[in-house]
């Protein structure tokens, strides 16, 4: 996730270079976590759902 040339998705979880797809799973985390990924993945999904429903 990010704005750089190596980022796959932007902070709004939109895939760079493609018009509509979004990715909202733990693969968008910019750093690998050493703990469980369930809670951060749920937060990413909830935030993405909020952004999508708000029309962002």
PDB file of N, CA and C in Angstrom:
ATOM      1  N   UNK A   1       0.862  -1.172   0.000  1.00  0.00           N
ATOM      2  CA  UNK A   1       0.000   0.000   0.000  1.00  0.00           C
ATOM      3  C   UNK A   1       0.899   1.221   0.000  1.00  0.00           C
ATOM      4  N   UNK A   2       0.545   2.165  -0.828  1.00  0.00           N
ATOM      5  CA  UNK A   2       1.315   3.388  -0.857  1.00  0.00           C
ATOM      6  C   UNK A   2       1.165   4.121  -2.164  1.00  0.00           C
ATOM      7  N   UNK A   3       1.986   5.151  -2.314  1.00  0.00           N
ATOM      8  CA  UNK A   3       1.933   5.979  -3.513  1.00  0.00           C
ATOM      9  C   UNK A   3       3.143   5.775  -4.411  1.00  0.00           C
ATOM     10  N   UNK A   4       4.109   5.011  -3.976  1.00  0.00           N
ATOM     11  CA  UNK A   4       5.333   4.802  -4.741  1.00  0.00           C
ATOM     12  C   UNK A   4       5.127   3.888  -5.932  1.00  0.00           C
ATOM     13  N   UNK A   5       6.173   3.770  -6.753  1.00  0.00           N
ATOM     14  CA  UNK A   5       6.059   2.972  -7.967  1.00  0.00           C
ATOM     15  C   UNK A   5       5.993   1.478  -7.685  1.00  0.00           C
ATOM     16  N   UNK A   6       6.399   1.039  -6.503  1.00  0.00           N
ATOM     17  CA  UNK A   6       6.354  -0.376  -6.155  1.00  0.00           C
ATOM     18  C   UNK A   6       5.075  -0.767  -5.416  1.00  0.00           C
ATOM     19  N   UNK A   7       4.248   0.193  -5.070  1.00  0.00           N
ATOM     20  CA  UNK A   7       2.996  -0.090  -4.365  1.00  0.00           C
ATOM     21  C   UNK A   7       1.961  -0.635  -5.337  1.00  0.00           C
ATOM     22  N   UNK A   8       1.221  -1.622  -4.917  1.00  0.00           N
ATOM     23  CA  UNK A   8       0.185  -2.222  -5.756  1.00  0.00           C
ATOM     24  C   UNK A   8      -1.139  -1.496  -5.581  1.00  0.00           C
ATOM     25  N   UNK A   9      -1.424  -1.066  -4.360  1.00  0.00           N
ATOM     26  CA  UNK A   9      -2.669  -0.345  -4.088  1.00  0.00           C
ATOM     27  C   UNK A   9      -2.361   0.988  -3.433  1.00  0.00           C
ATOM     28  N   UNK A  10      -3.277   1.947  -3.591  1.00  0.00           N
ATOM     29  CA  UNK A  10      -3.125   3.244  -2.947  1.00  0.00           C
ATOM     30  C   UNK A  10      -3.766   3.189  -1.557  1.00  0.00           C
ATOM     31  N   UNK A  11      -3.678   4.255  -0.763  1.00  0.00           N
ATOM     32  CA  UNK A  11      -4.258   4.242   0.586  1.00  0.00           C
ATOM     33  C   UNK A  11      -5.778   4.026   0.616  1.00  0.00           C
ATOM     34  N   UNK A  12      -6.445   4.168  -0.527  1.00  0.00           N
ATOM     35  CA  UNK A  12      -7.893   3.911  -0.606  1.00  0.00           C
ATOM     36  C   UNK A  12      -8.163   2.499  -1.115  1.00  0.00           C
ATOM     37  N   UNK A  13      -7.169   1.631  -1.069  1.00  0.00           N
ATOM     38  CA  UNK A  13      -7.161   0.228  -1.502  1.00  0.00           C
ATOM     39  C   UNK A  13      -7.587   0.024  -2.958  1.00  0.00           C
ATOM     40  N   UNK A  14      -7.359   1.049  -3.802  1.00  0.00           N
ATOM     41  CA  UNK A  14      -7.620   0.928  -5.238  1.00  0.00           C
ATOM     42  C   UNK A  14      -6.358   0.405  -5.908  1.00  0.00           C
ATOM     43  N   UNK A  15      -6.512  -0.544  -6.805  1.00  0.00           N
ATOM     44  CA  UNK A  15      -5.372  -1.118  -7.503  1.00  0.00           C
ATOM     45  C   UNK A  15      -4.849  -0.101  -8.514  1.00  0.00           C
ATOM     46  N   UNK A  16      -3.539   0.155  -8.488  1.00  0.00           N
ATOM     47  CA  UNK A  16      -2.918   1.098  -9.425  1.00  0.00           C
ATOM     48  C   UNK A  16      -3.029   0.571 -10.852  1.00  0.00           C
ATOM     49  N   UNK A  17      -3.406   1.429 -11.788  1.00  0.00           N
ATOM     50  CA  UNK A  17      -3.432   1.085 -13.192  1.00  0.00           C
ATOM     51  C   UNK A  17      -4.696   0.404 -13.673  1.00  0.00           C
ATOM     52  N   UNK A  18      -5.635   0.120 -12.782  1.00  0.00           N
ATOM     53  CA  UNK A  18      -6.894  -0.523 -13.152  1.00  0.00           C
ATOM     54  C   UNK A  18      -8.017   0.321 -12.559  1.00  0.00           C
ATOM     55  N   UNK A  19      -9.118   0.473 -13.279  1.00  0.00           N
ATOM     56  CA  UNK A  19     -10.122   1.454 -12.881  1.00  0.00           C
ATOM     57  C   UNK A  19     -10.957   1.106 -11.645  1.00  0.00           C
ATOM     58  N   UNK A  20     -11.469  -0.090 -11.488  1.00  0.00           N
ATOM     59  CA  UNK A  20     -12.412  -0.350 -10.395  1.00  0.00           C
ATOM     60  C   UNK A  20     -11.967  -1.299  -9.288  1.00  0.00           C
ATOM     61  N   UNK A  21     -11.109  -2.273  -9.512  1.00  0.00           N
ATOM     62  CA  UNK A  21     -10.825  -3.256  -8.455  1.00  0.00           C
ATOM     63  C   UNK A  21     -10.179  -2.649  -7.211  1.00  0.00           C
ATOM     64  N   UNK A  22     -10.533  -3.231  -6.093  1.00  0.00           N
ATOM     65  CA  UNK A  22      -9.923  -2.874  -4.813  1.00  0.00           C
ATOM     66  C   UNK A  22      -9.471  -4.157  -4.129  1.00  0.00           C
ATOM     67  N   UNK A  23      -8.436  -4.055  -3.332  1.00  0.00           N
ATOM     68  CA  UNK A  23      -7.928  -5.199  -2.592  1.00  0.00           C
ATOM     69  C   UNK A  23      -7.975  -4.840  -1.117  1.00  0.00           C
ATOM     70  N   UNK A  24      -8.653  -5.642  -0.334  1.00  0.00           N
ATOM     71  CA  UNK A  24      -8.796  -5.355   1.106  1.00  0.00           C
ATOM     72  C   UNK A  24      -8.502  -6.609   1.914  1.00  0.00           C
ATOM     73  N   UNK A  25      -7.256  -7.036   1.885  1.00  0.00           N
ATOM     74  CA  UNK A  25      -6.841  -8.162   2.707  1.00  0.00           C
ATOM     75  C   UNK A  25      -5.451  -7.878   3.273  1.00  0.00           C
ATOM     76  N   UNK A  26      -4.863  -8.852   3.925  1.00  0.00           N
ATOM     77  CA  UNK A  26      -3.583  -8.574   4.586  1.00  0.00           C
ATOM     78  C   UNK A  26      -2.420  -8.399   3.612  1.00  0.00           C
ATOM     79  N   UNK A  27      -2.625  -8.642   2.337  1.00  0.00           N
ATOM     80  CA  UNK A  27      -1.543  -8.434   1.375  1.00  0.00           C
ATOM     81  C   UNK A  27      -1.257  -6.951   1.133  1.00  0.00           C
ATOM     82  N   UNK A  28      -2.129  -6.056   1.571  1.00  0.00           N
ATOM     83  CA  UNK A  28      -1.887  -4.623   1.380  1.00  0.00           C
ATOM     84  C   UNK A  28      -1.063  -4.012   2.508  1.00  0.00           C
ATOM     85  N   UNK A  29      -0.737  -4.783   3.528  1.00  0.00           N
ATOM     86  CA  UNK A  29       0.079  -4.264   4.624  1.00  0.00           C
ATOM     87  C   UNK A  29       1.476  -3.922   4.105  1.00  0.00           C
ATOM     88  N   UNK A  30       1.951  -2.702   4.365  1.00  0.00           N
ATOM     89  CA  UNK A  30       3.264  -2.319   3.844  1.00  0.00           C
ATOM     90  C   UNK A  30       4.433  -3.027   4.526  1.00  0.00           C
ATOM     91  N   UNK A  31       4.234  -3.499   5.738  1.00  0.00           N
ATOM     92  CA  UNK A  31       5.290  -4.220   6.464  1.00  0.00           C
ATOM     93  C   UNK A  31       4.752  -5.557   6.927  1.00  0.00           C
ATOM     94  N   UNK A  32       5.607  -6.563   6.932  1.00  0.00           N
ATOM     95  CA  UNK A  32       5.204  -7.886   7.391  1.00  0.00           C
ATOM     96  C   UNK A  32       5.114  -7.863   8.908  1.00  0.00           C
ATOM     97  N   UNK A  33       4.010  -8.357   9.430  1.00  0.00           N
ATOM     98  CA  UNK A  33       3.816  -8.387  10.876  1.00  0.00           C
ATOM     99  C   UNK A  33       4.359  -9.690  11.454  1.00  0.00           C
ATOM    100  N   UNK A  34       4.767  -9.651  12.705  1.00  0.00           N
ATOM    101  CA  UNK A  34       5.267 -10.867  13.347  1.00  0.00           C
ATOM    102  C   UNK A  34       4.184 -11.559  14.151  1.00  0.00           C
ATOM    103  N   UNK A  35       3.035 -10.912  14.277  1.00  0.00           N
ATOM    104  CA  UNK A  35       1.941 -11.496  15.044  1.00  0.00           C
ATOM    105  C   UNK A  35       0.849 -12.043  14.145  1.00  0.00           C
ATOM    106  N   UNK A  36      -0.273 -12.339  14.759  1.00  0.00           N
ATOM    107  CA  UNK A  36      -1.415 -12.833  13.999  1.00  0.00           C
ATOM    108  C   UNK A  36      -1.937 -11.726  13.093  1.00  0.00           C
ATOM    109  N   UNK A  37      -2.497 -12.109  11.965  1.00  0.00           N
ATOM    110  CA  UNK A  37      -2.963 -11.122  10.993  1.00  0.00           C
ATOM    111  C   UNK A  37      -4.477 -10.956  10.979  1.00  0.00           C
ATOM    112  N   UNK A  38      -5.200 -11.704  11.795  1.00  0.00           N
ATOM    113  CA  UNK A  38      -6.665 -11.631  11.758  1.00  0.00           C
ATOM    114  C   UNK A  38      -7.179 -10.240  12.105  1.00  0.00           C
ATOM    115  N   UNK A  39      -6.780  -9.684  13.234  1.00  0.00           N
ATOM    116  CA  UNK A  39      -7.297  -8.381  13.655  1.00  0.00           C
ATOM    117  C   UNK A  39      -6.925  -7.266  12.673  1.00  0.00           C
ATOM    118  N   UNK A  40      -5.664  -7.168  12.234  1.00  0.00           N
ATOM    119  CA  UNK A  40      -5.354  -6.115  11.260  1.00  0.00           C
ATOM    120  C   UNK A  40      -6.117  -6.296   9.944  1.00  0.00           C
ATOM    121  N   UNK A  41      -6.325  -7.530   9.518  1.00  0.00           N
ATOM    122  CA  UNK A  41      -7.068  -7.777   8.282  1.00  0.00           C
ATOM    123  C   UNK A  41      -8.518  -7.346   8.428  1.00  0.00           C
ATOM    124  N   UNK A  42      -9.112  -7.587   9.576  1.00  0.00           N
ATOM    125  CA  UNK A  42     -10.492  -7.146   9.812  1.00  0.00           C
ATOM    126  C   UNK A  42     -10.589  -5.624   9.798  1.00  0.00           C
ATOM    127  N   UNK A  43      -9.605  -4.947  10.360  1.00  0.00           N
ATOM    128  CA  UNK A  43      -9.600  -3.483  10.357  1.00  0.00           C
ATOM    129  C   UNK A  43      -9.458  -2.962   8.933  1.00  0.00           C
ATOM    130  N   UNK A  44      -8.561  -3.554   8.158  1.00  0.00           N
ATOM    131  CA  UNK A  44      -8.403  -3.152   6.756  1.00  0.00           C
ATOM    132  C   UNK A  44      -9.718  -3.336   6.009  1.00  0.00           C
ATOM    133  N   UNK A  45     -10.375  -4.473   6.196  1.00  0.00           N
ATOM    134  CA  UNK A  45     -11.639  -4.745   5.505  1.00  0.00           C
ATOM    135  C   UNK A  45     -12.737  -3.785   5.938  1.00  0.00           C
ATOM    136  N   UNK A  46     -12.821  -3.494   7.230  1.00  0.00           N
ATOM    137  CA  UNK A  46     -13.836  -2.549   7.713  1.00  0.00           C
ATOM    138  C   UNK A  46     -13.598  -1.151   7.173  1.00  0.00           C
ATOM    139  N   UNK A  47     -12.347  -0.717   7.157  1.00  0.00           N
ATOM    140  CA  UNK A  47     -12.025   0.607   6.630  1.00  0.00           C
ATOM    141  C   UNK A  47     -12.307   0.678   5.124  1.00  0.00           C
ATOM    142  N   UNK A  48     -11.965  -0.378   4.407  1.00  0.00           N
ATOM    143  CA  UNK A  48     -12.233  -0.410   2.969  1.00  0.00           C
ATOM    144  C   UNK A  48     -13.736  -0.371   2.712  1.00  0.00           C
ATOM    145  N   UNK A  49     -14.509  -1.117   3.481  1.00  0.00           N
ATOM    146  CA  UNK A  49     -15.963  -1.117   3.321  1.00  0.00           C
ATOM    147  C   UNK A  49     -16.527   0.274   3.589  1.00  0.00           C
ATOM    148  N   UNK A  50     -16.008   0.967   4.590  1.00  0.00           N
ATOM    149  CA  UNK A  50     -16.455   2.327   4.887  1.00  0.00           C
ATOM    150  C   UNK A  50     -16.124   3.286   3.750  1.00  0.00           C
ATOM    151  N   UNK A  51     -14.909   3.155   3.195  1.00  0.00           N
ATOM    152  CA  UNK A  51     -14.512   4.033   2.084  1.00  0.00           C
ATOM    153  C   UNK A  51     -15.353   3.767   0.850  1.00  0.00           C
ATOM    154  N   UNK A  52     -15.624   2.493   0.572  1.00  0.00           N
ATOM    155  CA  UNK A  52     -16.410   2.129  -0.613  1.00  0.00           C
ATOM    156  C   UNK A  52     -17.847   2.621  -0.464  1.00  0.00           C
ATOM    157  N   UNK A  53     -18.434   2.420   0.709  1.00  0.00           N
ATOM    158  CA  UNK A  53     -19.819   2.851   0.906  1.00  0.00           C
ATOM    159  C   UNK A  53     -19.951   4.373   0.928  1.00  0.00           C
ATOM    160  N   UNK A  54     -18.863   5.071   1.290  1.00  0.00           N
ATOM    161  CA  UNK A  54     -18.891   6.536   1.276  1.00  0.00           C
ATOM    162  C   UNK A  54     -18.683   7.099  -0.116  1.00  0.00           C
ATOM    163  N   UNK A  55     -18.329   6.222  -1.059  1.00  0.00           N
ATOM    164  CA  UNK A  55     -18.151   6.653  -2.431  1.00  0.00           C
ATOM    165  C   UNK A  55     -16.767   7.132  -2.772  1.00  0.00           C
ATOM    166  N   UNK A  56     -15.788   6.807  -1.948  1.00  0.00           N
ATOM    167  CA  UNK A  56     -14.399   7.231  -2.209  1.00  0.00           C
ATOM    168  C   UNK A  56     -13.759   6.397  -3.271  1.00  0.00           C
TER     169      UNK A  56
END
